[in-house]
Amino acid sequence: MIVCSQLFTVFRFNTSVSRATEEPIRPHWLRVALIGRRPKATLGRIAVLGITCLVTFKFILLPIRVDGISMMPTYHTGQVNCVNRLAYLRHEPQRGDIVSVRLAGTSVMYMKRIIGLPGETVAFHNGHAFINDRQLAEPYVIFSCDWEKEPVQCSPTQYYVVGDNRSMPFEFHTKGRAERNHIVGKLAL
């Protein structure tokens, strides 16, 4: 006995016509603008950028806002600048540098100009600064003043700092000797 079975074959016909010139599907322009064509790579770049900004603005460049008139006309109230904390890694502060000095607490810093170096004597006569009995040329001092102050000796670890606005009475001006370890860094211009 022979058994025959019928084989059923199913044929599928492709009724769609594909065009060779059909463009691939592109993501929406807004998605491309916000996260790019490769979201994982974009998230990686955002993470690297965030860490770089955090390290830079926490440990290297400290943003500060000027509050007060002691550095006028060089700097005005409301200006935002950055203090470079790495400026004095290879050399010590120099005369004329504008530095940030931490004199009161951890969050209050003063922006002042260094006029006296360690071991020097600083005095004021007729509104002029004298370093070791020699008048200091200060082209940045625009406003006239009448300060009189007896000589003050800086120790080997101290710098004499003062603001550029000398029109204020001597008693109302924050100035004086600052220890080297209180100088946070140099103003990044």
Protein backbone atom coordinates (compact mmCIF):
# COMPACT_ATOMS: atom_id res chain seq x y z
CA MET A 1 0.00 0.00 0.00
CA ILE A 2 1.27 3.33 -0.95
CA VAL A 3 0.16 6.40 0.93
CA CYS A 4 0.40 9.65 -0.81
CA SER A 5 0.33 12.86 0.99
CA GLN A 6 -0.08 16.17 -0.43
CA LEU A 7 2.48 18.76 0.34
CA PHE A 8 1.08 22.10 0.98
CA THR A 9 3.33 24.96 0.31
CA VAL A 10 2.53 28.44 1.30
CA PHE A 11 3.66 31.19 -0.92
CA ARG A 12 3.97 34.74 0.23
CA PHE A 13 4.07 37.46 -2.26
CA ASN A 14 5.80 40.70 -1.42
CA THR A 15 3.38 43.32 -2.57
CA SER A 16 5.32 46.33 -1.34
CA VAL A 17 7.57 48.01 -3.78
CA SER A 18 10.83 49.30 -2.41
CA ARG A 19 12.53 52.18 -4.03
CA ALA A 20 16.26 52.38 -4.29
CA THR A 21 16.12 56.12 -3.69
CA GLU A 22 14.12 55.94 -0.45
CA GLU A 23 15.81 57.96 2.36
CA PRO A 24 16.48 56.30 5.73
CA ILE A 25 14.36 57.44 8.66
CA ARG A 26 16.06 60.34 10.45
CA PRO A 27 15.47 61.37 14.05
CA HIS A 28 13.54 64.53 14.70
CA TRP A 29 15.71 67.68 14.59
CA LEU A 30 14.86 68.61 18.19
CA ARG A 31 16.09 65.23 19.47
CA VAL A 32 19.31 65.66 17.49
CA ALA A 33 19.80 69.16 18.87
CA LEU A 34 19.25 68.11 22.49
CA ILE A 35 20.95 64.72 22.79
CA GLY A 36 22.69 64.16 19.47
CA ARG A 37 22.54 61.19 17.18
CA ARG A 38 24.21 58.94 19.77
CA PRO A 39 22.68 59.51 23.23
CA LYS A 40 25.23 57.37 25.12
CA ALA A 41 28.15 59.35 23.70
CA THR A 42 26.34 62.62 24.51
CA LEU A 43 25.75 61.55 28.13
CA GLY A 44 29.43 60.63 28.40
CA ARG A 45 30.48 64.06 27.12
CA ILE A 46 28.06 65.76 29.54
CA ALA A 47 29.50 63.80 32.47
CA VAL A 48 33.09 64.69 31.51
CA LEU A 49 32.14 68.35 31.08
CA GLY A 50 30.35 68.41 34.44
CA ILE A 51 33.29 66.88 36.30
CA THR A 52 35.74 69.22 34.56
CA CYS A 53 33.66 72.28 35.52
CA LEU A 54 33.29 71.09 39.10
CA VAL A 55 37.04 70.55 39.55
CA THR A 56 37.93 73.80 37.76
CA PHE A 57 35.57 76.08 39.66
CA LYS A 58 35.95 74.38 43.04
CA PHE A 59 39.72 73.91 43.21
CA ILE A 60 41.44 75.98 40.49
CA LEU A 61 39.43 79.08 39.56
CA LEU A 62 37.30 80.49 42.37
CA PRO A 63 34.57 82.82 41.10
CA ILE A 64 34.26 85.95 43.24
CA ARG A 65 31.98 88.96 43.14
CA VAL A 66 33.37 92.39 44.00
CA ASP A 67 31.45 94.02 46.84
CA GLY A 68 32.60 97.45 47.89
CA ILE A 69 34.58 100.40 46.62
CA SER A 70 38.05 99.67 47.97
CA MET A 71 39.45 98.60 44.56
CA MET A 72 37.88 101.40 42.50
CA PRO A 73 38.52 102.44 39.74
CA THR A 74 40.30 99.17 38.85
CA TYR A 75 37.32 96.99 39.86
CA HIS A 76 33.74 98.05 40.54
CA THR A 77 31.01 96.67 42.79
CA GLY A 78 29.15 93.81 41.16
CA GLN A 79 31.93 92.68 38.85
CA VAL A 80 32.55 88.94 38.75
CA ASN A 81 36.12 87.67 38.43
CA CYS A 82 38.02 84.46 39.08
CA VAL A 83 40.89 83.86 41.46
CA ASN A 84 43.57 81.53 40.12
CA ARG A 85 44.56 79.31 43.03
CA LEU A 86 47.47 77.77 41.09
CA ALA A 87 49.14 81.12 40.29
CA TYR A 88 51.68 80.88 43.11
CA LEU A 89 52.74 77.25 42.82
CA ARG A 90 55.99 78.10 41.03
CA HIS A 91 56.73 81.58 42.41
CA GLU A 92 55.79 83.82 45.29
CA PRO A 93 53.43 86.80 45.02
CA GLN A 94 54.95 89.94 43.49
CA ARG A 95 54.47 93.63 44.19
CA GLY A 96 51.49 94.95 42.22
CA ASP A 97 49.64 91.63 42.07
CA ILE A 98 45.94 91.80 42.84
CA VAL A 99 45.24 88.91 45.17
CA SER A 100 42.41 87.43 47.13
CA VAL A 101 43.13 87.35 50.85
CA ARG A 102 41.17 85.29 53.36
CA LEU A 103 41.13 87.51 56.44
CA ALA A 104 37.75 86.73 57.99
CA GLY A 105 36.35 83.22 57.99
CA THR A 106 36.23 80.73 55.16
CA SER A 107 33.78 82.43 52.80
CA VAL A 108 34.83 86.07 53.11
CA MET A 109 37.78 87.10 50.98
CA TYR A 110 39.18 90.53 50.29
CA MET A 111 40.55 91.59 46.93
CA LYS A 112 43.64 93.75 47.52
CA ARG A 113 46.86 94.80 45.81
CA ILE A 114 50.24 93.75 47.21
CA ILE A 115 52.49 96.74 47.81
CA GLY A 116 54.84 95.40 50.49
CA LEU A 117 56.88 92.20 50.27
CA PRO A 118 58.22 90.08 53.17
CA GLY A 119 60.84 91.89 55.24
CA GLU A 120 60.01 95.34 53.86
CA THR A 121 58.88 98.42 55.78
CA VAL A 122 55.69 100.11 54.55
CA ALA A 123 54.67 103.66 55.45
CA PHE A 124 52.28 106.33 54.12
CA HIS A 125 53.16 110.05 54.00
CA ASN A 126 51.05 112.74 52.32
CA GLY A 127 48.99 110.04 50.65
CA HIS A 128 51.95 108.24 49.05
CA ALA A 129 53.16 104.74 49.88
CA PHE A 130 56.80 104.38 50.90
CA ILE A 131 58.64 101.05 50.83
CA ASN A 132 61.88 101.07 52.86
CA ASP A 133 61.79 104.92 52.82
CA ARG A 134 61.44 105.07 48.99
CA GLN A 135 58.26 106.32 47.36
CA LEU A 136 56.39 103.61 45.47
CA ALA A 137 55.19 104.48 41.97
CA GLU A 138 51.49 103.61 41.88
CA PRO A 139 49.90 104.53 38.52
CA TYR A 140 46.74 102.61 39.47
CA VAL A 141 45.95 105.05 42.33
CA ILE A 142 43.72 107.67 40.69
CA PHE A 143 41.98 109.30 43.65
CA SER A 144 44.02 111.58 45.86
CA CYS A 145 44.42 110.81 49.54
CA ASP A 146 46.00 112.20 52.65
CA TRP A 147 47.03 109.05 54.47
CA GLU A 148 49.62 109.27 57.20
CA LYS A 149 50.88 106.07 58.77
CA GLU A 150 54.07 105.29 60.62
CA PRO A 151 56.33 102.56 59.17
CA VAL A 152 55.19 98.97 59.63
CA GLN A 153 57.63 96.07 59.23
CA CYS A 154 56.47 92.92 57.41
CA SER A 155 57.76 89.63 58.79
CA PRO A 156 59.39 87.05 56.47
CA THR A 157 55.96 85.45 55.88
CA GLN A 158 53.85 88.61 55.52
CA TYR A 159 52.79 90.81 52.60
CA TYR A 160 51.32 94.29 52.92
CA VAL A 161 48.03 94.59 51.02
CA VAL A 162 45.82 97.60 50.36
CA GLY A 163 43.05 98.64 47.95
CA ASP A 164 43.45 101.03 45.04
CA ASN A 165 40.81 103.50 46.26
CA ARG A 166 42.76 105.65 48.70
CA SER A 167 40.18 108.44 48.90
CA MET A 168 38.58 106.82 51.93
CA PRO A 169 39.92 107.68 55.39
CA PHE A 170 42.74 105.39 56.51
CA GLU A 171 40.73 104.01 59.43
CA PHE A 172 37.86 102.83 57.20
CA HIS A 173 40.05 100.93 54.77
CA THR A 174 40.75 97.20 55.21
CA LYS A 175 44.49 96.90 54.71
CA GLY A 176 47.58 95.68 56.41
CA ARG A 177 49.84 92.71 56.73
CA ALA A 178 48.59 89.39 55.44
CA GLU A 179 50.25 86.07 56.12
CA ARG A 180 51.35 84.13 53.04
CA ASN A 181 49.03 81.22 53.88
CA HIS A 182 46.02 83.62 53.84
CA ILE A 183 46.64 84.61 50.22
CA VAL A 184 44.29 82.37 48.25
CA GLY A 185 45.48 83.25 44.78
CA LYS A 186 45.98 85.86 42.09
CA LEU A 187 43.12 87.49 40.26
CA ALA A 188 42.79 86.00 36.77
CA LEU A 189 42.43 88.94 34.43
